[in-house]
């Protein structure tokens, strides 16, 4: 992160390709970390069912995303968000297109897609844990409470 202090948004949309792994994990983590101080949602370019490996690795740290319902960009009011955090290149392109017509800030957090990682169940879980931990760190840095809180 640069030396520039970024404004803490009041609403954040996490976006990825399918809204099945990365963005639901980010949404769950953000809600866990910031509580109700920031409105948080997620969407994807397409909708796929919630990935069970994502559910498993989130439960390991006490974050339950089992109630997550996948959404596409067309299912959310993008203009109601202060910040879109794109987690895949395709979502970043879509978010930039929205930013041309809406007053929304866009950030790109390149985040690997763990769905094709590993040959064994444990190798796949490790890939998902890596994504989870990456997102948790970034969310704490970007959305955590302001200094002094």
N, C-alpha and C. Protein backbone atom coordinates (compact mmCIF):
# COMPACT_ATOMS: atom_id res chain seq x y z
N UNK A 1 0.85 -1.17 0.00
CA UNK A 1 0.00 0.00 0.00
C UNK A 1 0.89 1.24 0.00
N UNK A 2 0.49 2.28 -0.68
CA UNK A 2 1.30 3.49 -0.77
C UNK A 2 1.16 4.32 0.49
N UNK A 3 1.92 5.41 0.54
CA UNK A 3 1.87 6.31 1.68
C UNK A 3 0.60 7.16 1.69
N UNK A 4 -0.12 7.18 0.59
CA UNK A 4 -1.35 7.94 0.49
C UNK A 4 -2.43 7.27 1.33
N UNK A 5 -3.08 8.04 2.19
CA UNK A 5 -4.16 7.50 2.99
C UNK A 5 -5.44 7.51 2.16
N UNK A 6 -6.03 6.36 2.01
CA UNK A 6 -7.24 6.24 1.22
C UNK A 6 -8.46 6.48 2.11
N UNK A 7 -9.44 7.15 1.56
CA UNK A 7 -10.68 7.43 2.27
C UNK A 7 -11.41 6.12 2.54
N UNK A 8 -11.91 5.97 3.75
CA UNK A 8 -12.68 4.79 4.12
C UNK A 8 -14.08 4.93 3.53
N UNK A 9 -14.48 4.01 2.67
CA UNK A 9 -15.79 4.11 2.02
C UNK A 9 -16.93 3.77 2.98
N UNK A 10 -18.14 4.16 2.60
CA UNK A 10 -19.30 3.78 3.39
C UNK A 10 -20.00 2.56 2.79
N UNK A 11 -19.65 2.23 1.53
CA UNK A 11 -20.23 1.04 0.88
C UNK A 11 -19.23 0.47 -0.11
N UNK A 12 -19.12 -0.85 -0.12
CA UNK A 12 -18.14 -1.54 -0.96
C UNK A 12 -18.81 -2.72 -1.67
N UNK A 13 -18.49 -2.85 -2.94
CA UNK A 13 -18.92 -4.01 -3.73
C UNK A 13 -17.67 -4.77 -4.14
N UNK A 14 -17.57 -6.03 -3.74
CA UNK A 14 -16.49 -6.90 -4.19
C UNK A 14 -16.97 -7.60 -5.45
N UNK A 15 -16.12 -7.65 -6.47
CA UNK A 15 -16.54 -8.22 -7.75
C UNK A 15 -15.49 -9.19 -8.27
N UNK A 16 -15.97 -10.29 -8.82
CA UNK A 16 -15.09 -11.26 -9.49
C UNK A 16 -15.85 -11.85 -10.67
N UNK A 17 -15.41 -12.99 -11.13
CA UNK A 17 -15.98 -13.57 -12.34
C UNK A 17 -17.32 -14.27 -12.13
N UNK A 18 -17.44 -15.08 -11.08
CA UNK A 18 -18.64 -15.91 -10.91
C UNK A 18 -19.41 -15.66 -9.62
N UNK A 19 -18.89 -14.86 -8.71
CA UNK A 19 -19.50 -14.62 -7.41
C UNK A 19 -19.75 -15.94 -6.69
N UNK A 20 -18.75 -16.83 -6.80
CA UNK A 20 -18.87 -18.14 -6.16
C UNK A 20 -17.72 -18.45 -5.21
N UNK A 21 -16.58 -17.76 -5.36
CA UNK A 21 -15.40 -18.04 -4.53
C UNK A 21 -14.83 -16.75 -3.95
N UNK A 22 -14.12 -15.99 -4.77
CA UNK A 22 -13.36 -14.83 -4.28
C UNK A 22 -14.24 -13.72 -3.71
N UNK A 23 -15.22 -13.27 -4.47
CA UNK A 23 -16.03 -12.15 -3.96
C UNK A 23 -16.91 -12.53 -2.77
N UNK A 24 -17.50 -13.74 -2.71
CA UNK A 24 -18.23 -14.09 -1.49
C UNK A 24 -17.30 -14.20 -0.27
N UNK A 25 -16.08 -14.71 -0.49
CA UNK A 25 -15.12 -14.77 0.61
C UNK A 25 -14.79 -13.36 1.09
N UNK A 26 -14.55 -12.45 0.14
CA UNK A 26 -14.23 -11.07 0.50
C UNK A 26 -15.40 -10.40 1.22
N UNK A 27 -16.61 -10.63 0.72
CA UNK A 27 -17.79 -10.06 1.36
C UNK A 27 -17.92 -10.56 2.80
N UNK A 28 -17.79 -11.86 2.99
CA UNK A 28 -17.89 -12.43 4.34
C UNK A 28 -16.81 -11.92 5.27
N UNK A 29 -15.58 -11.84 4.76
CA UNK A 29 -14.48 -11.33 5.58
C UNK A 29 -14.70 -9.87 5.95
N UNK A 30 -15.11 -9.07 4.97
CA UNK A 30 -15.32 -7.64 5.25
C UNK A 30 -16.42 -7.45 6.29
N UNK A 31 -17.51 -8.17 6.16
CA UNK A 31 -18.59 -8.06 7.15
C UNK A 31 -18.10 -8.48 8.53
N UNK A 32 -17.27 -9.49 8.58
CA UNK A 32 -16.72 -9.97 9.84
C UNK A 32 -15.78 -8.92 10.45
N UNK A 33 -14.96 -8.29 9.62
CA UNK A 33 -13.95 -7.35 10.09
C UNK A 33 -14.55 -5.98 10.43
N UNK A 34 -15.42 -5.46 9.58
CA UNK A 34 -15.92 -4.09 9.80
C UNK A 34 -17.33 -4.05 10.39
N UNK A 35 -17.97 -5.20 10.51
CA UNK A 35 -19.31 -5.22 11.06
C UNK A 35 -20.28 -4.43 10.20
N UNK A 36 -21.08 -3.62 10.83
CA UNK A 36 -22.08 -2.83 10.12
C UNK A 36 -21.61 -1.41 9.83
N UNK A 37 -20.33 -1.14 10.03
CA UNK A 37 -19.83 0.22 9.80
C UNK A 37 -19.73 0.57 8.32
N UNK A 38 -19.68 -0.44 7.47
CA UNK A 38 -19.62 -0.26 6.02
C UNK A 38 -20.62 -1.23 5.41
N UNK A 39 -21.41 -0.76 4.44
CA UNK A 39 -22.29 -1.68 3.72
C UNK A 39 -21.45 -2.46 2.72
N UNK A 40 -21.56 -3.78 2.73
CA UNK A 40 -20.74 -4.65 1.90
C UNK A 40 -21.63 -5.60 1.12
N UNK A 41 -21.30 -5.80 -0.16
CA UNK A 41 -22.00 -6.77 -0.99
C UNK A 41 -20.99 -7.32 -1.99
N UNK A 42 -21.44 -8.26 -2.81
CA UNK A 42 -20.56 -8.82 -3.84
C UNK A 42 -21.39 -9.21 -5.05
N UNK A 43 -20.69 -9.29 -6.19
CA UNK A 43 -21.33 -9.67 -7.45
C UNK A 43 -20.27 -10.23 -8.38
N UNK A 44 -20.74 -10.86 -9.44
CA UNK A 44 -19.84 -11.40 -10.45
C UNK A 44 -20.33 -11.08 -11.84
N UNK A 45 -19.50 -11.35 -12.81
CA UNK A 45 -19.92 -11.18 -14.18
C UNK A 45 -21.02 -12.17 -14.52
N UNK A 46 -20.89 -13.35 -13.94
CA UNK A 46 -21.88 -14.42 -14.08
C UNK A 46 -22.18 -14.95 -12.69
N UNK A 47 -23.20 -15.80 -12.59
CA UNK A 47 -23.56 -16.40 -11.31
C UNK A 47 -23.29 -17.90 -11.35
N UNK A 48 -22.64 -18.38 -10.32
CA UNK A 48 -22.44 -19.81 -10.12
C UNK A 48 -22.77 -20.11 -8.66
N UNK A 49 -23.14 -21.32 -8.32
CA UNK A 49 -23.41 -21.65 -6.92
C UNK A 49 -22.17 -21.44 -6.05
N UNK A 50 -22.39 -21.13 -4.80
CA UNK A 50 -21.30 -20.95 -3.85
C UNK A 50 -20.43 -22.20 -3.81
N UNK A 51 -19.15 -22.00 -3.90
CA UNK A 51 -18.17 -23.09 -3.92
C UNK A 51 -18.02 -23.68 -2.51
N UNK A 52 -18.08 -24.99 -2.40
CA UNK A 52 -18.01 -25.64 -1.09
C UNK A 52 -16.63 -25.52 -0.44
N UNK A 53 -15.57 -25.45 -1.23
CA UNK A 53 -14.24 -25.25 -0.64
C UNK A 53 -14.15 -23.86 -0.01
N UNK A 54 -14.75 -22.86 -0.65
CA UNK A 54 -14.77 -21.50 -0.07
C UNK A 54 -15.52 -21.52 1.26
N UNK A 55 -16.64 -22.19 1.29
CA UNK A 55 -17.43 -22.32 2.51
C UNK A 55 -16.61 -22.98 3.62
N UNK A 56 -15.89 -24.03 3.28
CA UNK A 56 -15.09 -24.77 4.25
C UNK A 56 -13.98 -23.92 4.85
N UNK A 57 -13.19 -23.24 4.00
CA UNK A 57 -12.06 -22.48 4.55
C UNK A 57 -12.51 -21.24 5.31
N UNK A 58 -13.68 -20.72 4.99
CA UNK A 58 -14.20 -19.59 5.75
C UNK A 58 -14.68 -20.06 7.12
N UNK A 59 -15.31 -21.21 7.17
CA UNK A 59 -15.75 -21.75 8.46
C UNK A 59 -14.56 -22.02 9.38
N UNK A 60 -13.42 -22.36 8.81
CA UNK A 60 -12.22 -22.61 9.62
C UNK A 60 -11.85 -21.41 10.48
N UNK A 61 -12.17 -20.20 10.03
CA UNK A 61 -11.81 -19.00 10.79
C UNK A 61 -13.04 -18.35 11.43
N UNK A 62 -14.14 -19.08 11.46
CA UNK A 62 -15.33 -18.59 12.14
C UNK A 62 -16.20 -17.65 11.33
N UNK A 63 -16.06 -17.66 10.01
CA UNK A 63 -16.87 -16.80 9.14
C UNK A 63 -17.82 -17.70 8.35
N UNK A 64 -19.11 -17.53 8.56
CA UNK A 64 -20.11 -18.35 7.89
C UNK A 64 -20.67 -17.62 6.67
N UNK A 65 -20.41 -18.14 5.49
CA UNK A 65 -20.95 -17.54 4.27
C UNK A 65 -22.01 -18.43 3.63
N UNK A 66 -22.55 -19.35 4.41
CA UNK A 66 -23.51 -20.32 3.87
C UNK A 66 -24.81 -19.68 3.38
N UNK A 67 -25.13 -18.50 3.86
CA UNK A 67 -26.36 -17.82 3.43
C UNK A 67 -26.14 -16.97 2.17
N UNK A 68 -24.93 -16.95 1.66
CA UNK A 68 -24.61 -16.14 0.47
C UNK A 68 -25.44 -16.61 -0.72
N UNK A 69 -26.01 -15.65 -1.42
CA UNK A 69 -26.73 -15.92 -2.66
C UNK A 69 -26.00 -15.20 -3.78
N UNK A 70 -25.58 -15.94 -4.78
CA UNK A 70 -24.78 -15.35 -5.85
C UNK A 70 -25.59 -14.33 -6.64
N UNK A 71 -24.88 -13.29 -7.07
CA UNK A 71 -25.49 -12.20 -7.83
C UNK A 71 -24.58 -11.82 -8.98
N UNK A 72 -25.19 -11.37 -10.06
CA UNK A 72 -24.45 -10.78 -11.17
C UNK A 72 -24.49 -9.26 -11.01
N UNK A 73 -23.65 -8.57 -11.76
CA UNK A 73 -23.64 -7.11 -11.71
C UNK A 73 -25.04 -6.54 -11.95
N UNK A 74 -25.77 -7.16 -12.85
CA UNK A 74 -27.12 -6.66 -13.17
C UNK A 74 -28.09 -6.79 -12.00
N UNK A 75 -27.73 -7.57 -10.99
CA UNK A 75 -28.60 -7.78 -9.83
C UNK A 75 -28.38 -6.75 -8.72
N UNK A 76 -27.36 -5.90 -8.85
CA UNK A 76 -27.07 -4.91 -7.82
C UNK A 76 -27.10 -3.51 -8.42
N UNK A 77 -27.36 -2.54 -7.58
CA UNK A 77 -27.35 -1.14 -8.01
C UNK A 77 -25.94 -0.60 -7.82
N UNK A 78 -25.12 -0.76 -8.84
CA UNK A 78 -23.71 -0.41 -8.75
C UNK A 78 -23.51 1.05 -8.36
N UNK A 79 -24.37 1.92 -8.84
CA UNK A 79 -24.22 3.34 -8.56
C UNK A 79 -24.41 3.68 -7.09
N UNK A 80 -24.91 2.75 -6.29
CA UNK A 80 -25.11 3.02 -4.87
C UNK A 80 -23.86 2.73 -4.03
N UNK A 81 -22.77 2.29 -4.66
CA UNK A 81 -21.54 1.98 -3.94
C UNK A 81 -20.52 3.09 -4.10
N UNK A 82 -19.73 3.30 -3.04
CA UNK A 82 -18.62 4.25 -3.09
C UNK A 82 -17.40 3.62 -3.75
N UNK A 83 -17.25 2.32 -3.55
CA UNK A 83 -16.04 1.63 -3.98
C UNK A 83 -16.39 0.25 -4.52
N UNK A 84 -15.81 -0.07 -5.67
CA UNK A 84 -15.86 -1.43 -6.20
C UNK A 84 -14.44 -1.97 -6.13
N UNK A 85 -14.28 -3.11 -5.50
CA UNK A 85 -12.98 -3.77 -5.45
C UNK A 85 -13.08 -5.00 -6.34
N UNK A 86 -12.39 -4.93 -7.48
CA UNK A 86 -12.40 -6.02 -8.45
C UNK A 86 -11.29 -7.01 -8.10
N UNK A 87 -11.62 -8.28 -8.16
CA UNK A 87 -10.68 -9.34 -7.79
C UNK A 87 -10.21 -10.16 -8.98
N UNK A 88 -10.80 -9.91 -10.15
CA UNK A 88 -10.38 -10.60 -11.37
C UNK A 88 -10.25 -9.56 -12.48
N UNK A 89 -9.43 -9.83 -13.49
CA UNK A 89 -9.26 -8.86 -14.58
C UNK A 89 -10.58 -8.52 -15.28
N UNK A 90 -11.42 -9.52 -15.48
CA UNK A 90 -12.70 -9.29 -16.15
C UNK A 90 -13.62 -8.40 -15.32
N UNK A 91 -13.63 -8.61 -14.02
CA UNK A 91 -14.45 -7.78 -13.14
C UNK A 91 -13.91 -6.35 -13.10
N UNK A 92 -12.60 -6.21 -13.17
CA UNK A 92 -11.99 -4.89 -13.19
C UNK A 92 -12.42 -4.11 -14.43
N UNK A 93 -12.43 -4.78 -15.57
CA UNK A 93 -12.89 -4.12 -16.81
C UNK A 93 -14.34 -3.67 -16.67
N UNK A 94 -15.19 -4.52 -16.14
CA UNK A 94 -16.60 -4.18 -15.97
C UNK A 94 -16.75 -3.02 -14.98
N UNK A 95 -16.00 -3.07 -13.88
CA UNK A 95 -16.08 -2.01 -12.88
C UNK A 95 -15.64 -0.67 -13.46
N UNK A 96 -14.61 -0.68 -14.27
CA UNK A 96 -14.15 0.56 -14.91
C UNK A 96 -15.23 1.11 -15.83
N UNK A 97 -15.95 0.26 -16.51
CA UNK A 97 -17.04 0.71 -17.37
C UNK A 97 -18.12 1.39 -16.53
N UNK A 98 -18.44 0.83 -15.37
CA UNK A 98 -19.42 1.45 -14.48
C UNK A 98 -18.92 2.81 -13.99
N UNK A 99 -17.63 2.87 -13.70
CA UNK A 99 -17.06 4.11 -13.15
C UNK A 99 -17.14 5.27 -14.15
N UNK A 100 -17.26 4.98 -15.42
CA UNK A 100 -17.38 6.04 -16.42
C UNK A 100 -18.73 6.75 -16.34
N UNK A 101 -19.75 6.06 -15.81
CA UNK A 101 -21.09 6.66 -15.77
C UNK A 101 -21.62 6.85 -14.35
N UNK A 102 -20.93 6.34 -13.35
CA UNK A 102 -21.37 6.47 -11.96
C UNK A 102 -20.22 7.02 -11.12
N UNK A 103 -20.56 7.68 -10.04
CA UNK A 103 -19.56 8.23 -9.14
C UNK A 103 -19.10 7.13 -8.18
N UNK A 104 -18.23 6.27 -8.70
CA UNK A 104 -17.75 5.14 -7.92
C UNK A 104 -16.25 5.00 -8.13
N UNK A 105 -15.54 4.75 -7.05
CA UNK A 105 -14.10 4.50 -7.11
C UNK A 105 -13.90 3.01 -7.40
N UNK A 106 -12.84 2.70 -8.15
CA UNK A 106 -12.55 1.31 -8.49
C UNK A 106 -11.12 0.99 -8.09
N UNK A 107 -10.95 -0.15 -7.43
CA UNK A 107 -9.62 -0.66 -7.11
C UNK A 107 -9.52 -2.08 -7.65
N UNK A 108 -8.32 -2.44 -8.05
CA UNK A 108 -8.08 -3.79 -8.54
C UNK A 108 -7.13 -4.50 -7.60
N UNK A 109 -7.60 -5.58 -7.01
CA UNK A 109 -6.78 -6.43 -6.15
C UNK A 109 -6.63 -7.78 -6.86
N UNK A 110 -5.59 -7.94 -7.67
CA UNK A 110 -5.41 -9.22 -8.36
C UNK A 110 -5.42 -10.37 -7.35
N UNK A 111 -6.33 -11.30 -7.56
CA UNK A 111 -6.51 -12.41 -6.62
C UNK A 111 -6.64 -13.69 -7.43
N UNK A 112 -5.76 -14.63 -7.15
CA UNK A 112 -5.76 -15.87 -7.92
C UNK A 112 -7.06 -16.64 -7.75
N UNK A 113 -7.40 -17.39 -8.78
CA UNK A 113 -8.57 -18.25 -8.76
C UNK A 113 -8.13 -19.63 -8.29
N UNK A 114 -8.54 -20.05 -7.10
CA UNK A 114 -8.05 -21.32 -6.57
C UNK A 114 -8.77 -22.56 -7.09
N UNK A 115 -9.77 -22.40 -7.95
CA UNK A 115 -10.61 -23.53 -8.32
C UNK A 115 -9.88 -24.62 -9.09
N UNK A 116 -8.82 -24.29 -9.77
CA UNK A 116 -8.10 -25.30 -10.55
C UNK A 116 -6.78 -25.70 -9.88
N UNK A 117 -6.61 -25.33 -8.63
CA UNK A 117 -5.36 -25.59 -7.92
C UNK A 117 -5.34 -26.96 -7.27
N UNK A 118 -4.19 -27.59 -7.34
CA UNK A 118 -3.96 -28.82 -6.60
C UNK A 118 -4.65 -30.05 -7.15
N UNK A 119 -4.05 -31.18 -6.85
CA UNK A 119 -4.62 -32.46 -7.27
C UNK A 119 -5.37 -33.15 -6.15
N UNK A 120 -4.93 -32.92 -4.91
CA UNK A 120 -5.61 -33.56 -3.78
C UNK A 120 -6.53 -32.54 -3.10
N UNK A 121 -7.41 -33.05 -2.29
CA UNK A 121 -8.32 -32.18 -1.54
C UNK A 121 -7.54 -31.21 -0.68
N UNK A 122 -6.50 -31.68 0.00
CA UNK A 122 -5.71 -30.82 0.88
C UNK A 122 -4.97 -29.74 0.09
N UNK A 123 -4.45 -30.08 -1.09
CA UNK A 123 -3.79 -29.07 -1.92
C UNK A 123 -4.78 -27.99 -2.36
N UNK A 124 -5.98 -28.41 -2.70
CA UNK A 124 -7.00 -27.43 -3.09
C UNK A 124 -7.38 -26.55 -1.91
N UNK A 125 -7.57 -27.15 -0.74
CA UNK A 125 -7.89 -26.35 0.43
C UNK A 125 -6.79 -25.34 0.73
N UNK A 126 -5.54 -25.74 0.57
CA UNK A 126 -4.43 -24.81 0.80
C UNK A 126 -4.49 -23.63 -0.15
N UNK A 127 -4.86 -23.87 -1.41
CA UNK A 127 -4.99 -22.78 -2.37
C UNK A 127 -6.12 -21.83 -1.94
N UNK A 128 -7.22 -22.36 -1.49
CA UNK A 128 -8.34 -21.53 -1.02
C UNK A 128 -7.96 -20.76 0.24
N UNK A 129 -7.20 -21.41 1.13
CA UNK A 129 -6.74 -20.71 2.34
C UNK A 129 -5.82 -19.55 1.97
N UNK A 130 -4.99 -19.75 0.96
CA UNK A 130 -4.11 -18.67 0.51
C UNK A 130 -4.91 -17.48 0.02
N UNK A 131 -5.96 -17.72 -0.76
CA UNK A 131 -6.83 -16.64 -1.23
C UNK A 131 -7.52 -15.97 -0.05
N UNK A 132 -8.07 -16.77 0.85
CA UNK A 132 -8.74 -16.23 2.04
C UNK A 132 -7.82 -15.32 2.85
N UNK A 133 -6.60 -15.79 3.09
CA UNK A 133 -5.67 -15.02 3.91
C UNK A 133 -5.20 -13.75 3.20
N UNK A 134 -5.02 -13.83 1.89
CA UNK A 134 -4.68 -12.65 1.09
C UNK A 134 -5.78 -11.60 1.21
N UNK A 135 -7.03 -12.04 1.03
CA UNK A 135 -8.16 -11.11 1.11
C UNK A 135 -8.30 -10.53 2.51
N UNK A 136 -8.14 -11.35 3.51
CA UNK A 136 -8.26 -10.87 4.89
C UNK A 136 -7.25 -9.77 5.18
N UNK A 137 -6.02 -9.96 4.74
CA UNK A 137 -4.98 -8.96 4.95
C UNK A 137 -5.32 -7.66 4.23
N UNK A 138 -5.71 -7.77 2.96
CA UNK A 138 -6.03 -6.57 2.17
C UNK A 138 -7.23 -5.83 2.75
N UNK A 139 -8.24 -6.56 3.19
CA UNK A 139 -9.44 -5.93 3.75
C UNK A 139 -9.10 -5.21 5.05
N UNK A 140 -8.31 -5.83 5.89
CA UNK A 140 -7.91 -5.16 7.15
C UNK A 140 -7.14 -3.88 6.85
N UNK A 141 -6.24 -3.94 5.87
CA UNK A 141 -5.46 -2.75 5.51
C UNK A 141 -6.34 -1.65 4.95
N UNK A 142 -7.27 -2.00 4.08
CA UNK A 142 -8.05 -0.99 3.35
C UNK A 142 -9.31 -0.55 4.08
N UNK A 143 -9.99 -1.47 4.76
CA UNK A 143 -11.29 -1.15 5.34
C UNK A 143 -11.33 -1.18 6.85
N UNK A 144 -10.25 -1.63 7.46
CA UNK A 144 -10.24 -1.72 8.91
C UNK A 144 -10.50 -0.36 9.55
N UNK A 145 -10.71 -0.35 10.85
CA UNK A 145 -11.03 0.91 11.52
C UNK A 145 -9.93 1.95 11.33
N UNK A 146 -10.30 3.21 11.20
CA UNK A 146 -9.30 4.27 11.10
C UNK A 146 -8.42 4.28 12.35
N UNK A 147 -7.20 4.77 12.21
CA UNK A 147 -6.28 4.86 13.34
C UNK A 147 -6.96 5.61 14.48
N UNK A 148 -6.81 5.09 15.69
CA UNK A 148 -7.39 5.74 16.86
C UNK A 148 -8.74 5.18 17.25
N UNK A 149 -9.34 4.37 16.41
CA UNK A 149 -10.65 3.79 16.75
C UNK A 149 -10.47 2.55 17.61
